[in-house]
Amino acid sequence: MTAPKLRVKKGDTVMVITGKDTGKKGKVLRALPRQQRVVVEGINIVKRHQRPTQALPQGGIIEKEAALHASNVMVICSKCDRPVRTGRKVTDGGEKVRYCKKCGNELD
């Protein structure tokens, strides 16, 4: 079974549209298409109890970003500078690109 397509990719700047972090902007660190989730820098911070390891000898409670559902974020268009819906189109060269449905600017 193939993973469903996400409207966001790693490296995109997105805005959270629902949940406890509504209105915050961040960069997508990881996209998880099979789970339909994304990890965004500085968003959805959770505390994890970490046991001591060689990488983290003291252990303790660390804060890290947790994944949130991809439907809760929207891509921010660099030209409009606001959250927009995206579409896909085929360019003259035959490659597929995402574009802003508001202004037509290519996102990729």
Protein backbone atom coordinates (compact mmCIF):
# COMPACT_ATOMS: atom_id res chain seq x y z
CA MET A 1 0.00 0.00 0.00
CA THR A 2 1.35 3.41 -0.94
CA ALA A 3 1.42 6.27 1.52
CA PRO A 4 -1.17 8.98 0.85
CA LYS A 5 0.08 12.35 -0.40
CA LEU A 6 0.50 15.19 2.08
CA ARG A 7 0.04 18.83 1.12
CA VAL A 8 3.11 19.78 3.17
CA LYS A 9 6.73 18.74 2.76
CA LYS A 10 9.85 18.83 4.89
CA GLY A 11 11.23 22.37 4.93
CA ASP A 12 7.89 24.12 4.33
CA THR A 13 6.93 27.03 6.56
CA VAL A 14 3.49 26.33 7.98
CA MET A 15 0.95 27.92 10.33
CA VAL A 16 -1.08 25.91 12.83
CA ILE A 17 -4.79 26.52 12.23
CA THR A 18 -6.32 24.51 15.12
CA GLY A 19 -5.34 23.24 18.55
CA LYS A 20 -3.39 24.64 21.47
CA ASP A 21 -0.75 26.27 19.22
CA THR A 22 -3.21 28.03 16.87
CA GLY A 23 -1.62 30.91 14.95
CA LYS A 24 2.00 29.86 15.51
CA LYS A 25 4.37 29.49 12.56
CA GLY A 26 7.19 27.01 12.17
CA LYS A 27 9.26 24.94 9.77
CA VAL A 28 8.36 21.30 9.04
CA LEU A 29 11.14 19.10 10.43
CA ARG A 30 9.64 15.73 9.43
CA ALA A 31 6.68 14.59 7.36
CA LEU A 32 5.11 11.23 8.21
CA PRO A 33 2.79 10.44 5.26
CA ARG A 34 1.63 7.01 6.48
CA GLN A 35 0.35 8.49 9.73
CA GLN A 36 -0.80 11.75 8.02
CA ARG A 37 1.27 13.72 10.56
CA VAL A 38 4.03 16.34 10.57
CA VAL A 39 6.59 17.49 13.14
CA VAL A 40 6.92 21.29 13.22
CA GLU A 41 9.80 23.21 14.83
CA GLY A 42 8.75 24.75 18.17
CA ILE A 43 5.13 23.52 17.95
CA ASN A 44 3.35 20.90 20.09
CA ILE A 45 6.12 20.71 22.71
CA VAL A 46 5.83 17.74 25.07
CA LYS A 47 7.91 16.60 28.04
CA ARG A 48 9.60 13.20 27.82
CA HIS A 49 11.23 11.32 30.68
CA GLN A 50 14.58 10.22 29.28
CA ARG A 51 16.59 7.47 30.92
CA PRO A 52 20.36 7.96 30.96
CA THR A 53 22.14 6.84 27.79
CA GLN A 54 25.63 7.39 26.39
CA ALA A 55 24.31 10.31 24.35
CA LEU A 56 22.51 11.85 27.37
CA PRO A 57 24.35 10.62 30.48
CA GLN A 58 22.32 12.57 33.05
CA GLY A 59 18.87 11.59 31.68
CA GLY A 60 16.00 13.65 33.07
CA ILE A 61 12.99 15.38 31.59
CA ILE A 62 13.50 16.77 28.09
CA GLU A 63 11.17 18.85 25.93
CA LYS A 64 10.71 17.94 22.28
CA GLU A 65 8.33 18.49 19.39
CA ALA A 66 5.59 15.89 18.95
CA ALA A 67 3.83 15.13 15.67
CA LEU A 68 0.52 16.78 14.88
CA HIS A 69 -2.03 15.92 12.21
CA ALA A 70 -1.29 17.36 8.78
CA SER A 71 -4.84 18.73 8.48
CA ASN A 72 -4.10 21.11 11.39
CA VAL A 73 -1.47 23.06 9.45
CA MET A 74 -1.48 25.17 6.29
CA VAL A 75 1.45 26.09 4.05
CA ILE A 76 2.46 29.75 4.11
CA CYS A 77 2.97 31.21 0.62
CA SER A 78 6.17 33.26 0.34
CA LYS A 79 4.50 35.78 -1.98
CA CYS A 80 1.14 36.18 -0.14
CA ASP A 81 2.78 35.74 3.30
CA ARG A 82 -0.34 34.03 4.61
CA PRO A 83 -1.66 30.46 4.97
CA VAL A 84 -3.01 29.20 1.65
CA ARG A 85 -4.46 26.14 0.01
CA THR A 86 -2.18 24.41 -2.43
CA GLY A 87 -2.76 22.75 -5.77
CA ARG A 88 -0.66 20.63 -8.08
CA LYS A 89 0.07 21.33 -11.72
CA VAL A 90 2.38 20.01 -14.42
CA THR A 91 4.89 22.50 -15.82
CA ASP A 92 6.06 22.72 -19.42
CA GLY A 93 9.08 20.60 -18.48
CA GLY A 94 6.75 17.79 -17.37
CA GLU A 95 7.46 18.03 -13.65
CA LYS A 96 4.74 18.32 -11.01
CA VAL A 97 4.87 21.39 -8.77
CA ARG A 98 2.74 22.75 -5.94
CA TYR A 99 1.28 26.22 -6.32
CA CYS A 100 -0.61 28.74 -4.22
CA LYS A 101 -4.29 28.75 -5.13
CA LYS A 102 -4.61 32.40 -4.04
CA CYS A 103 -1.88 34.04 -6.15
CA GLY A 104 -0.61 31.24 -8.43
CA ASN A 105 2.95 31.38 -7.06
CA GLU A 106 4.89 28.09 -7.36
CA LEU A 107 5.89 26.73 -3.93
CA ASP A 108 8.51 24.19 -4.98
